[in-house]
Amino acid sequence: MQQTRITKAAALEYATAGIRVNSVCPGVIQTSMVDRLIAANPAMEAGLVAGTPLGRLGSPGRSPKP
């Protein structure tokens, strides 16, 4: 939520200069760290998935590169 507010504020500020502002919010990426957290608390996975619009965790290969 905070990132989208910052993006919107920057977009409005720089729009008059013809500059576009975008952001990527990939959500939770299923890494080895997340796998360990889920293994320690299996109920956590349902909560993480419920908080994502696509209804699944992201995979590292599908995340945008900086």
N, C-alpha and C. Protein backbone atom coordinates (compact mmCIF):
# COMPACT_ATOMS: atom_id res chain seq x y z
N MET A 1 0.82 -1.19 0.00
CA MET A 1 0.00 0.00 0.00
C MET A 1 0.86 1.25 0.00
N GLN A 2 1.88 1.27 0.84
CA GLN A 2 2.75 2.44 0.92
C GLN A 2 3.46 2.70 -0.41
N GLN A 3 3.92 1.64 -1.06
CA GLN A 3 4.63 1.81 -2.32
C GLN A 3 3.71 2.43 -3.37
N THR A 4 2.45 2.04 -3.39
CA THR A 4 1.54 2.60 -4.39
C THR A 4 1.28 4.08 -4.11
N ARG A 5 1.24 4.47 -2.86
CA ARG A 5 1.06 5.90 -2.53
C ARG A 5 2.26 6.72 -2.98
N ILE A 6 3.46 6.20 -2.74
CA ILE A 6 4.67 6.90 -3.16
C ILE A 6 4.71 7.00 -4.68
N THR A 7 4.35 5.92 -5.36
CA THR A 7 4.34 5.91 -6.82
C THR A 7 3.35 6.94 -7.35
N LYS A 8 2.16 6.99 -6.78
CA LYS A 8 1.15 7.94 -7.24
C LYS A 8 1.62 9.37 -7.01
N ALA A 9 2.20 9.64 -5.85
CA ALA A 9 2.68 10.99 -5.55
C ALA A 9 3.77 11.41 -6.53
N ALA A 10 4.71 10.50 -6.81
CA ALA A 10 5.78 10.81 -7.76
C ALA A 10 5.22 10.99 -9.17
N ALA A 11 4.27 10.16 -9.55
CA ALA A 11 3.67 10.27 -10.89
C ALA A 11 2.98 11.63 -11.06
N LEU A 12 2.26 12.05 -10.05
CA LEU A 12 1.59 13.35 -10.13
C LEU A 12 2.59 14.50 -10.18
N GLU A 13 3.65 14.38 -9.40
CA GLU A 13 4.65 15.45 -9.35
C GLU A 13 5.41 15.60 -10.67
N TYR A 14 5.76 14.49 -11.30
CA TYR A 14 6.58 14.54 -12.51
C TYR A 14 5.79 14.51 -13.81
N ALA A 15 4.48 14.36 -13.74
CA ALA A 15 3.66 14.27 -14.96
C ALA A 15 3.80 15.52 -15.83
N THR A 16 3.89 16.67 -15.22
CA THR A 16 3.99 17.91 -16.00
C THR A 16 5.29 17.98 -16.80
N ALA A 17 6.29 17.21 -16.37
CA ALA A 17 7.57 17.17 -17.10
C ALA A 17 7.59 16.04 -18.12
N GLY A 18 6.47 15.34 -18.26
CA GLY A 18 6.39 14.24 -19.22
C GLY A 18 7.08 12.97 -18.75
N ILE A 19 7.30 12.87 -17.45
CA ILE A 19 7.96 11.70 -16.89
C ILE A 19 6.92 10.76 -16.32
N ARG A 20 6.96 9.51 -16.72
CA ARG A 20 6.05 8.49 -16.19
C ARG A 20 6.72 7.77 -15.03
N VAL A 21 5.93 7.41 -14.04
CA VAL A 21 6.44 6.69 -12.88
C VAL A 21 5.64 5.41 -12.72
N ASN A 22 6.33 4.28 -12.62
CA ASN A 22 5.70 2.98 -12.43
C ASN A 22 6.37 2.26 -11.28
N SER A 23 5.69 1.26 -10.76
CA SER A 23 6.30 0.41 -9.74
C SER A 23 5.84 -1.03 -9.94
N VAL A 24 6.64 -1.93 -9.45
CA VAL A 24 6.32 -3.36 -9.51
C VAL A 24 6.22 -3.85 -8.07
N CYS A 25 5.11 -4.47 -7.75
CA CYS A 25 4.87 -4.98 -6.39
C CYS A 25 4.65 -6.50 -6.48
N PRO A 26 5.72 -7.26 -6.48
CA PRO A 26 5.58 -8.70 -6.73
C PRO A 26 4.95 -9.50 -5.61
N GLY A 27 4.87 -8.98 -4.40
CA GLY A 27 4.30 -9.75 -3.30
C GLY A 27 5.30 -10.73 -2.71
N VAL A 28 4.79 -11.82 -2.17
CA VAL A 28 5.65 -12.81 -1.51
C VAL A 28 6.21 -13.76 -2.57
N ILE A 29 7.53 -13.87 -2.59
CA ILE A 29 8.20 -14.77 -3.52
C ILE A 29 8.60 -16.03 -2.75
N GLN A 30 8.28 -17.18 -3.32
CA GLN A 30 8.56 -18.45 -2.65
C GLN A 30 10.05 -18.79 -2.76
N THR A 31 10.78 -18.38 -1.75
CA THR A 31 12.22 -18.63 -1.67
C THR A 31 12.45 -19.69 -0.60
N SER A 32 13.70 -20.08 -0.43
CA SER A 32 14.01 -21.07 0.60
C SER A 32 13.66 -20.53 1.99
N MET A 33 13.81 -19.22 2.20
CA MET A 33 13.44 -18.64 3.49
C MET A 33 11.94 -18.77 3.75
N VAL A 34 11.13 -18.48 2.74
CA VAL A 34 9.68 -18.61 2.88
C VAL A 34 9.31 -20.08 3.09
N ASP A 35 9.97 -20.97 2.37
CA ASP A 35 9.71 -22.40 2.55
C ASP A 35 9.97 -22.84 3.99
N ARG A 36 11.06 -22.33 4.59
CA ARG A 36 11.36 -22.67 5.99
C ARG A 36 10.30 -22.11 6.94
N LEU A 37 9.84 -20.89 6.68
CA LEU A 37 8.79 -20.29 7.51
C LEU A 37 7.50 -21.11 7.43
N ILE A 38 7.14 -21.52 6.23
CA ILE A 38 5.92 -22.31 6.04
C ILE A 38 6.07 -23.69 6.68
N ALA A 39 7.26 -24.28 6.59
CA ALA A 39 7.48 -25.59 7.22
C ALA A 39 7.34 -25.50 8.73
N ALA A 40 7.76 -24.38 9.30
CA ALA A 40 7.66 -24.19 10.75
C ALA A 40 6.23 -23.86 11.18
N ASN A 41 5.46 -23.25 10.28
CA ASN A 41 4.09 -22.86 10.59
C ASN A 41 3.24 -23.05 9.32
N PRO A 42 2.76 -24.26 9.06
CA PRO A 42 2.02 -24.54 7.82
C PRO A 42 0.81 -23.64 7.57
N ALA A 43 0.17 -23.14 8.62
CA ALA A 43 -0.99 -22.27 8.45
C ALA A 43 -0.60 -20.94 7.82
N MET A 44 0.66 -20.59 7.89
CA MET A 44 1.13 -19.32 7.35
C MET A 44 0.95 -19.26 5.83
N GLU A 45 1.09 -20.37 5.16
CA GLU A 45 0.97 -20.38 3.71
C GLU A 45 -0.40 -19.89 3.26
N ALA A 46 -1.44 -20.35 3.91
CA ALA A 46 -2.80 -19.91 3.53
C ALA A 46 -2.95 -18.41 3.69
N GLY A 47 -2.38 -17.86 4.76
CA GLY A 47 -2.44 -16.41 4.97
C GLY A 47 -1.67 -15.63 3.92
N LEU A 48 -0.50 -16.14 3.55
CA LEU A 48 0.30 -15.48 2.52
C LEU A 48 -0.41 -15.52 1.17
N VAL A 49 -0.97 -16.66 0.84
CA VAL A 49 -1.68 -16.81 -0.44
C VAL A 49 -2.95 -15.95 -0.46
N ALA A 50 -3.65 -15.89 0.65
CA ALA A 50 -4.88 -15.09 0.71
C ALA A 50 -4.61 -13.60 0.49
N GLY A 51 -3.40 -13.16 0.81
CA GLY A 51 -3.05 -11.76 0.65
C GLY A 51 -2.55 -11.38 -0.73
N THR A 52 -2.60 -12.31 -1.68
CA THR A 52 -2.12 -12.02 -3.03
C THR A 52 -3.27 -12.05 -4.02
N PRO A 53 -3.33 -11.10 -4.94
CA PRO A 53 -4.43 -11.07 -5.91
C PRO A 53 -4.51 -12.31 -6.80
N LEU A 54 -3.37 -12.92 -7.13
CA LEU A 54 -3.39 -14.11 -8.00
C LEU A 54 -3.68 -15.39 -7.24
N GLY A 55 -3.70 -15.33 -5.91
CA GLY A 55 -4.01 -16.51 -5.12
C GLY A 55 -2.90 -17.54 -5.09
N ARG A 56 -1.66 -17.10 -5.26
CA ARG A 56 -0.51 -18.00 -5.21
C ARG A 56 0.73 -17.19 -4.85
N LEU A 57 1.74 -17.90 -4.38
CA LEU A 57 3.02 -17.25 -4.11
C LEU A 57 3.76 -17.06 -5.43
N GLY A 58 4.57 -16.03 -5.50
CA GLY A 58 5.37 -15.81 -6.69
C GLY A 58 6.55 -16.75 -6.74
N SER A 59 7.09 -16.95 -7.91
CA SER A 59 8.27 -17.80 -8.05
C SER A 59 9.45 -16.91 -8.45
N PRO A 60 10.65 -17.25 -7.97
CA PRO A 60 11.80 -16.40 -8.25
C PRO A 60 12.07 -16.17 -9.75
N GLY A 61 11.81 -17.16 -10.56
CA GLY A 61 12.05 -17.02 -12.00
C GLY A 61 11.12 -16.06 -12.69
N ARG A 62 10.00 -15.75 -12.09
CA ARG A 62 9.01 -14.88 -12.72
C ARG A 62 9.07 -13.45 -12.20
N SER A 63 9.97 -13.19 -11.27
CA SER A 63 10.10 -11.85 -10.71
C SER A 63 10.91 -10.97 -11.64
N PRO A 64 10.54 -9.69 -11.72
CA PRO A 64 11.31 -8.78 -12.58
C PRO A 64 12.72 -8.59 -12.04
N LYS A 65 13.66 -8.42 -12.92
CA LYS A 65 15.04 -8.17 -12.53
C LYS A 65 15.26 -6.67 -12.43
N PRO A 66 16.04 -6.24 -11.44
CA PRO A 66 16.31 -4.78 -11.33
C PRO A 66 17.16 -4.28 -12.47
